[in-house]
Protein backbone atom coordinates (compact mmCIF):
# COMPACT_ATOMS: atom_id res chain seq x y z
CA MET A 1 -7.78 67.53 0.21
CA PRO A 2 -7.23 68.50 4.14
CA TYR A 3 -6.47 64.98 6.37
CA ASP A 4 -5.48 66.98 9.89
CA SER A 5 -4.02 70.75 10.88
CA ASP A 6 0.15 68.96 9.37
CA LEU A 7 -1.62 66.47 6.98
CA PHE A 8 -3.16 66.39 3.57
CA MET A 9 -4.43 63.34 1.74
CA GLY A 10 -4.43 62.40 -2.29
CA LEU A 11 -3.82 61.32 -4.73
CA VAL A 12 0.02 60.89 -6.63
CA GLY A 13 2.08 58.79 -9.11
CA ILE A 14 5.03 56.92 -7.86
CA GLY A 15 7.03 55.10 -10.56
CA THR A 16 3.91 54.06 -13.29
CA SER A 17 1.39 53.53 -10.42
CA ILE A 18 -1.35 56.05 -8.37
CA THR A 19 -1.78 56.16 -4.71
CA THR A 20 -3.11 57.50 -1.82
CA ALA A 21 -0.70 59.43 -0.29
CA ILE A 22 -1.03 61.57 3.32
CA LEU A 23 1.31 64.43 2.68
CA ASP A 24 2.71 65.53 6.47
CA THR A 25 4.06 69.01 6.51
CA GLY A 26 5.39 68.80 9.21
CA GLY A 27 7.69 65.92 8.36
CA ALA A 28 10.87 65.02 8.06
CA ARG A 29 11.37 62.18 5.80
CA SER A 30 9.59 60.32 2.92
CA MET A 31 8.25 57.10 3.97
CA CYS A 32 6.45 54.27 2.74
CA ASP A 33 5.27 51.11 4.58
CA VAL A 34 6.11 48.09 3.55
CA GLU A 35 2.66 46.87 1.81
CA THR A 36 1.77 49.63 -0.05
CA ALA A 37 5.66 49.78 -1.37
CA ALA A 38 4.56 45.81 -2.35
CA LYS A 39 1.58 47.32 -4.10
CA LEU A 40 3.76 49.71 -5.86
CA GLY A 41 6.75 47.75 -7.07
CA ILE A 42 8.93 49.45 -4.62
CA VAL A 43 11.84 47.33 -3.76
CA TRP A 44 13.86 47.90 -1.26
CA GLN A 45 16.56 46.96 0.90
CA SER A 46 15.88 44.91 4.60
CA ALA A 47 17.45 46.80 7.86
CA LYS A 48 19.79 44.79 9.64
CA GLY A 49 18.85 45.77 13.64
CA ASN A 50 18.45 50.20 13.54
CA GLU A 51 20.63 50.05 10.21
CA PHE A 52 18.98 52.78 9.11
CA GLY A 53 18.00 54.78 11.95
CA SER A 54 14.29 55.10 13.57
CA TYR A 55 11.24 57.07 13.23
CA GLN A 56 8.98 58.39 16.94
CA GLY A 57 6.37 55.77 17.03
CA VAL A 58 3.05 56.68 18.45
CA GLY A 59 3.98 58.33 22.60
CA GLY A 60 7.15 58.86 20.86
CA HIS A 61 9.03 55.73 21.22
CA PRO A 62 11.54 55.46 19.16
CA VAL A 63 10.74 52.58 16.16
CA PRO A 64 13.40 51.46 13.76
CA TYR A 65 12.69 51.57 10.00
CA ALA A 66 12.31 48.53 8.61
CA GLY A 67 14.56 49.62 4.88
CA VAL A 68 14.96 52.06 2.38
CA ALA A 69 14.05 52.02 -1.00
CA LYS A 70 16.80 50.78 -3.59
CA GLY A 71 17.03 54.10 -5.69
CA ALA A 72 15.50 57.35 -5.89
CA LEU A 73 12.25 57.41 -6.41
CA ARG A 74 10.06 59.96 -8.60
CA VAL A 75 6.43 60.92 -6.84
CA GLN A 76 4.28 63.09 -9.17
CA PHE A 77 1.76 65.22 -7.15
CA GLY A 78 -0.21 66.78 -10.19
CA GLU A 79 1.22 67.82 -14.31
CA LYS A 80 4.00 69.88 -13.18
CA ALA A 81 4.18 68.74 -9.50
CA VAL A 82 6.52 66.74 -9.09
CA LEU A 83 9.11 65.18 -6.47
CA TYR A 84 11.95 63.20 -6.84
CA VAL A 85 13.17 61.65 -3.23
CA PRO A 86 16.92 60.71 -2.96
CA GLN A 87 16.40 58.05 -0.35
CA MET A 88 12.74 56.22 0.75
CA LYS A 89 12.44 55.20 3.98
CA ILE A 90 10.66 51.98 4.78
CA ILE A 91 8.15 51.56 7.86
CA ASN A 92 6.60 48.61 9.02
CA HIS A 93 3.04 49.75 9.65
CA PRO A 94 0.52 47.45 11.20
């Protein structure tokens, strides 16, 4: 379902869980917030400082990633639409 001009929202399967996700067609990285990662059982490694880089936050200010998922993830968008994410970035989104 369209969410914004460059964003679409829908149900996706990650591992053995189903969640609502926003697909940013203009995005450059795969990200998941800390709370959603915990609910989905995604095991991740906390960043030390700016160890894993940063993304553009509100107003274009750089925000460091909270960490990265340990290992690749399989994200299923439909019966035949599967995406393998080699490195999911974890963000601390309020």
